[in-house]
Amino acid sequence: MPELPEVETTRRGIDAVATGYTLRKLIVHESRMRWPIPADMPNLVADQVVRACRRRGKYLLIEFDSGTQLIHLGMSGSLRSVLNGELLRKHDHVE
């Protein structure tokens, strides 16, 4: 499981590339996670501006006007910024 410094590093990285920008589309490739991803999640966050990326313990909180998305990196999870058209990796569950 990522330790707190790694979670904070991830938060800072996502904050730098996402805060203030509009999330145009969320694509879920695998919804069976620790907590299942609701089927309507892509519709809830589509075209929403990312207002902030915060951390509470080892949880990442992505704040939108409509609410907050809670993310836990699990045992070896990560969030990363990729270029359009980049191929999915084996454990890329959401883009």
N, C-alpha and C. Protein backbone atom coordinates (compact mmCIF):
# COMPACT_ATOMS: atom_id res chain seq x y z
N MET A 1 0.85 -1.18 0.00
CA MET A 1 0.00 0.00 0.00
C MET A 1 0.90 1.23 0.00
N PRO A 2 0.61 2.18 -0.87
CA PRO A 2 1.42 3.40 -0.87
C PRO A 2 1.41 4.07 0.50
N GLU A 3 2.56 4.51 0.92
CA GLU A 3 2.65 5.22 2.20
C GLU A 3 2.22 6.67 2.00
N LEU A 4 2.01 7.36 3.12
CA LEU A 4 1.51 8.73 3.08
C LEU A 4 2.32 9.66 2.18
N PRO A 5 3.66 9.61 2.21
CA PRO A 5 4.40 10.51 1.31
C PRO A 5 4.11 10.25 -0.18
N GLU A 6 3.92 8.98 -0.56
CA GLU A 6 3.60 8.67 -1.95
C GLU A 6 2.21 9.16 -2.33
N VAL A 7 1.27 9.07 -1.40
CA VAL A 7 -0.08 9.57 -1.65
C VAL A 7 -0.04 11.10 -1.81
N GLU A 8 0.73 11.76 -0.98
CA GLU A 8 0.86 13.22 -1.10
C GLU A 8 1.54 13.61 -2.41
N THR A 9 2.54 12.86 -2.82
CA THR A 9 3.19 13.12 -4.11
C THR A 9 2.21 12.96 -5.25
N THR A 10 1.37 11.93 -5.19
CA THR A 10 0.34 11.72 -6.20
C THR A 10 -0.65 12.88 -6.20
N ARG A 11 -1.06 13.32 -5.02
CA ARG A 11 -2.00 14.44 -4.91
C ARG A 11 -1.43 15.69 -5.56
N ARG A 12 -0.18 15.99 -5.25
CA ARG A 12 0.44 17.18 -5.82
C ARG A 12 0.54 17.10 -7.34
N GLY A 13 0.87 15.92 -7.84
CA GLY A 13 0.97 15.75 -9.29
C GLY A 13 -0.35 15.91 -9.99
N ILE A 14 -1.41 15.31 -9.44
CA ILE A 14 -2.75 15.43 -10.03
C ILE A 14 -3.27 16.85 -9.87
N ASP A 15 -3.01 17.46 -8.73
CA ASP A 15 -3.44 18.84 -8.51
C ASP A 15 -2.85 19.77 -9.58
N ALA A 16 -1.58 19.56 -9.91
CA ALA A 16 -0.90 20.42 -10.88
C ALA A 16 -1.49 20.32 -12.28
N VAL A 17 -1.98 19.15 -12.66
CA VAL A 17 -2.48 18.98 -14.03
C VAL A 17 -4.00 18.99 -14.14
N ALA A 18 -4.72 18.94 -13.01
CA ALA A 18 -6.18 18.82 -13.08
C ALA A 18 -6.95 20.01 -12.51
N THR A 19 -6.47 20.60 -11.42
CA THR A 19 -7.23 21.67 -10.77
C THR A 19 -7.41 22.86 -11.71
N GLY A 20 -8.67 23.28 -11.83
CA GLY A 20 -9.00 24.39 -12.70
C GLY A 20 -9.39 23.97 -14.10
N TYR A 21 -9.19 22.70 -14.42
CA TYR A 21 -9.53 22.19 -15.75
C TYR A 21 -10.85 21.42 -15.71
N THR A 22 -11.47 21.30 -16.87
CA THR A 22 -12.74 20.57 -16.97
C THR A 22 -12.48 19.12 -17.33
N LEU A 23 -13.08 18.22 -16.57
CA LEU A 23 -13.03 16.80 -16.87
C LEU A 23 -14.10 16.53 -17.92
N ARG A 24 -13.70 16.34 -19.15
CA ARG A 24 -14.66 16.18 -20.25
C ARG A 24 -15.40 14.85 -20.20
N LYS A 25 -14.66 13.79 -19.88
CA LYS A 25 -15.27 12.47 -19.93
C LYS A 25 -14.53 11.53 -18.99
N LEU A 26 -15.28 10.65 -18.33
CA LEU A 26 -14.70 9.61 -17.48
C LEU A 26 -15.09 8.27 -18.09
N ILE A 27 -14.11 7.43 -18.33
CA ILE A 27 -14.36 6.10 -18.90
C ILE A 27 -13.96 5.07 -17.86
N VAL A 28 -14.89 4.19 -17.51
CA VAL A 28 -14.64 3.13 -16.53
C VAL A 28 -14.45 1.82 -17.29
N HIS A 29 -13.26 1.24 -17.16
CA HIS A 29 -12.96 -0.03 -17.81
C HIS A 29 -13.22 -1.21 -16.88
N GLU A 30 -13.10 -0.99 -15.60
CA GLU A 30 -13.32 -2.04 -14.60
C GLU A 30 -13.98 -1.42 -13.39
N SER A 31 -15.26 -1.72 -13.19
CA SER A 31 -16.01 -1.10 -12.08
C SER A 31 -15.94 -1.90 -10.79
N ARG A 32 -15.43 -3.13 -10.84
CA ARG A 32 -15.37 -3.98 -9.65
C ARG A 32 -14.08 -3.70 -8.88
N MET A 33 -14.12 -2.65 -8.09
CA MET A 33 -12.98 -2.26 -7.29
C MET A 33 -13.29 -2.58 -5.83
N ARG A 34 -12.49 -2.06 -4.91
CA ARG A 34 -12.75 -2.26 -3.48
C ARG A 34 -14.18 -1.85 -3.16
N TRP A 35 -14.57 -0.69 -3.65
CA TRP A 35 -15.96 -0.26 -3.61
C TRP A 35 -16.37 -0.13 -5.06
N PRO A 36 -17.45 -0.78 -5.48
CA PRO A 36 -17.83 -0.71 -6.89
C PRO A 36 -18.05 0.74 -7.34
N ILE A 37 -17.60 1.03 -8.54
CA ILE A 37 -17.79 2.36 -9.11
C ILE A 37 -19.23 2.42 -9.62
N PRO A 38 -20.03 3.38 -9.15
CA PRO A 38 -21.42 3.48 -9.58
C PRO A 38 -21.52 3.64 -11.10
N ALA A 39 -22.52 3.02 -11.70
CA ALA A 39 -22.71 3.08 -13.15
C ALA A 39 -22.90 4.51 -13.64
N ASP A 40 -23.46 5.37 -12.80
CA ASP A 40 -23.72 6.75 -13.23
C ASP A 40 -22.55 7.70 -12.96
N MET A 41 -21.43 7.19 -12.43
CA MET A 41 -20.28 8.05 -12.12
C MET A 41 -19.80 8.86 -13.33
N PRO A 42 -19.66 8.25 -14.52
CA PRO A 42 -19.21 9.05 -15.67
C PRO A 42 -20.12 10.25 -15.95
N ASN A 43 -21.43 10.09 -15.77
CA ASN A 43 -22.36 11.20 -16.00
C ASN A 43 -22.27 12.25 -14.90
N LEU A 44 -21.95 11.83 -13.68
CA LEU A 44 -21.89 12.78 -12.57
C LEU A 44 -20.70 13.74 -12.67
N VAL A 45 -19.59 13.28 -13.24
CA VAL A 45 -18.40 14.12 -13.29
C VAL A 45 -18.09 14.69 -14.67
N ALA A 46 -18.80 14.22 -15.69
CA ALA A 46 -18.54 14.72 -17.05
C ALA A 46 -18.80 16.21 -17.13
N ASP A 47 -17.90 16.91 -17.77
CA ASP A 47 -17.98 18.36 -17.98
C ASP A 47 -17.98 19.15 -16.67
N GLN A 48 -17.39 18.60 -15.63
CA GLN A 48 -17.26 19.28 -14.35
C GLN A 48 -15.84 19.84 -14.21
N VAL A 49 -15.73 21.02 -13.64
CA VAL A 49 -14.43 21.62 -13.37
C VAL A 49 -13.87 21.03 -12.08
N VAL A 50 -12.60 20.61 -12.12
CA VAL A 50 -11.92 20.14 -10.91
C VAL A 50 -11.57 21.37 -10.09
N ARG A 51 -12.18 21.51 -8.93
CA ARG A 51 -11.98 22.68 -8.08
C ARG A 51 -10.78 22.54 -7.17
N ALA A 52 -10.49 21.31 -6.74
CA ALA A 52 -9.34 21.10 -5.85
C ALA A 52 -9.02 19.62 -5.80
N CYS A 53 -7.79 19.33 -5.46
CA CYS A 53 -7.36 17.96 -5.21
C CYS A 53 -6.76 17.96 -3.82
N ARG A 54 -7.44 17.32 -2.90
CA ARG A 54 -7.01 17.32 -1.50
C ARG A 54 -6.71 15.89 -1.05
N ARG A 55 -6.22 15.79 0.16
CA ARG A 55 -5.91 14.48 0.74
C ARG A 55 -6.42 14.45 2.16
N ARG A 56 -7.00 13.34 2.55
CA ARG A 56 -7.39 13.09 3.95
C ARG A 56 -6.83 11.73 4.29
N GLY A 57 -5.76 11.71 5.05
CA GLY A 57 -5.07 10.45 5.30
C GLY A 57 -4.54 9.92 3.98
N LYS A 58 -4.86 8.67 3.69
CA LYS A 58 -4.41 8.06 2.44
C LYS A 58 -5.48 8.12 1.35
N TYR A 59 -6.51 8.92 1.56
CA TYR A 59 -7.56 9.09 0.56
C TYR A 59 -7.32 10.38 -0.22
N LEU A 60 -7.52 10.33 -1.52
CA LEU A 60 -7.48 11.52 -2.36
C LEU A 60 -8.91 12.00 -2.55
N LEU A 61 -9.10 13.30 -2.49
CA LEU A 61 -10.43 13.90 -2.65
C LEU A 61 -10.36 14.85 -3.84
N ILE A 62 -11.08 14.51 -4.90
CA ILE A 62 -11.15 15.36 -6.08
C ILE A 62 -12.47 16.10 -5.99
N GLU A 63 -12.39 17.42 -5.84
CA GLU A 63 -13.59 18.22 -5.59
C GLU A 63 -14.11 18.86 -6.87
N PHE A 64 -15.41 18.67 -7.07
CA PHE A 64 -16.16 19.27 -8.18
C PHE A 64 -17.27 20.12 -7.59
N ASP A 65 -17.92 20.96 -8.39
CA ASP A 65 -19.06 21.73 -7.90
C ASP A 65 -20.18 20.80 -7.44
N SER A 66 -20.31 19.64 -8.08
CA SER A 66 -21.41 18.71 -7.78
C SER A 66 -21.10 17.76 -6.63
N GLY A 67 -19.88 17.75 -6.13
CA GLY A 67 -19.53 16.85 -5.03
C GLY A 67 -18.05 16.50 -5.05
N THR A 68 -17.68 15.51 -4.27
CA THR A 68 -16.29 15.11 -4.12
C THR A 68 -16.12 13.65 -4.47
N GLN A 69 -15.13 13.37 -5.31
CA GLN A 69 -14.82 11.99 -5.67
C GLN A 69 -13.74 11.49 -4.71
N LEU A 70 -14.00 10.37 -4.08
CA LEU A 70 -13.09 9.76 -3.11
C LEU A 70 -12.28 8.68 -3.82
N ILE A 71 -10.96 8.74 -3.68
CA ILE A 71 -10.09 7.76 -4.34
C ILE A 71 -9.11 7.21 -3.31
N HIS A 72 -8.98 5.88 -3.29
CA HIS A 72 -7.96 5.22 -2.48
C HIS A 72 -7.09 4.43 -3.43
N LEU A 73 -5.79 4.53 -3.29
CA LEU A 73 -4.88 3.88 -4.23
C LEU A 73 -4.73 2.39 -4.03
N GLY A 74 -5.31 1.84 -2.98
CA GLY A 74 -5.25 0.40 -2.77
C GLY A 74 -3.85 -0.07 -2.45
N MET A 75 -3.54 -1.30 -2.86
CA MET A 75 -2.24 -1.89 -2.53
C MET A 75 -1.10 -1.32 -3.37
N SER A 76 -1.35 -1.10 -4.64
CA SER A 76 -0.26 -0.61 -5.49
C SER A 76 -0.78 0.33 -6.57
N GLY A 77 -1.88 0.99 -6.30
CA GLY A 77 -2.51 1.86 -7.29
C GLY A 77 -1.76 3.14 -7.54
N SER A 78 -2.15 3.79 -8.62
CA SER A 78 -1.53 5.06 -8.97
C SER A 78 -2.50 5.86 -9.82
N LEU A 79 -2.28 7.15 -9.87
CA LEU A 79 -2.96 8.04 -10.80
C LEU A 79 -1.86 8.66 -11.63
N ARG A 80 -2.10 8.80 -12.92
CA ARG A 80 -1.07 9.39 -13.76
C ARG A 80 -1.70 10.17 -14.89
N SER A 81 -0.96 11.10 -15.38
CA SER A 81 -1.37 11.90 -16.52
C SER A 81 -0.74 11.27 -17.76
N VAL A 82 -1.55 11.05 -18.80
CA VAL A 82 -1.05 10.44 -20.03
C VAL A 82 -1.49 11.26 -21.24
N LEU A 83 -0.81 11.07 -22.33
CA LEU A 83 -1.15 11.75 -23.57
C LEU A 83 -2.36 11.07 -24.23
N ASN A 84 -3.13 11.84 -24.98
CA ASN A 84 -4.25 11.27 -25.73
C ASN A 84 -3.74 10.16 -26.65
N GLY A 85 -4.48 9.08 -26.70
CA GLY A 85 -4.13 7.98 -27.59
C GLY A 85 -3.14 6.98 -27.01
N GLU A 86 -2.63 7.23 -25.80
CA GLU A 86 -1.70 6.29 -25.20
C GLU A 86 -2.43 5.00 -24.87
N LEU A 87 -1.79 3.87 -25.13
CA LEU A 87 -2.41 2.57 -24.89
C LEU A 87 -2.60 2.32 -23.40
N LEU A 88 -3.69 1.60 -23.08
CA LEU A 88 -3.97 1.25 -21.69
C LEU A 88 -2.97 0.21 -21.20
N ARG A 89 -2.64 0.30 -19.92
CA ARG A 89 -1.82 -0.72 -19.27
C ARG A 89 -2.76 -1.75 -18.64
N LYS A 90 -2.19 -2.85 -18.18
CA LYS A 90 -2.98 -3.95 -17.63
C LYS A 90 -3.93 -3.52 -16.53
N HIS A 91 -3.50 -2.65 -15.63
CA HIS A 91 -4.33 -2.27 -14.48
C HIS A 91 -4.90 -0.86 -14.58
N ASP A 92 -5.08 -0.37 -15.79
CA ASP A 92 -5.74 0.93 -15.99
C ASP A 92 -7.25 0.67 -15.96
N HIS A 93 -7.87 0.97 -14.83
CA HIS A 93 -9.29 0.66 -14.65
C HIS A 93 -10.20 1.83 -15.01
N VAL A 94 -9.69 3.05 -14.88
CA VAL A 94 -10.49 4.24 -15.16
C VAL A 94 -9.60 5.24 -15.89
N GLU A 95 -10.18 5.90 -16.87
CA GLU A 95 -9.43 6.99 -17.52
C GLU A 95 -10.32 8.20 -17.65
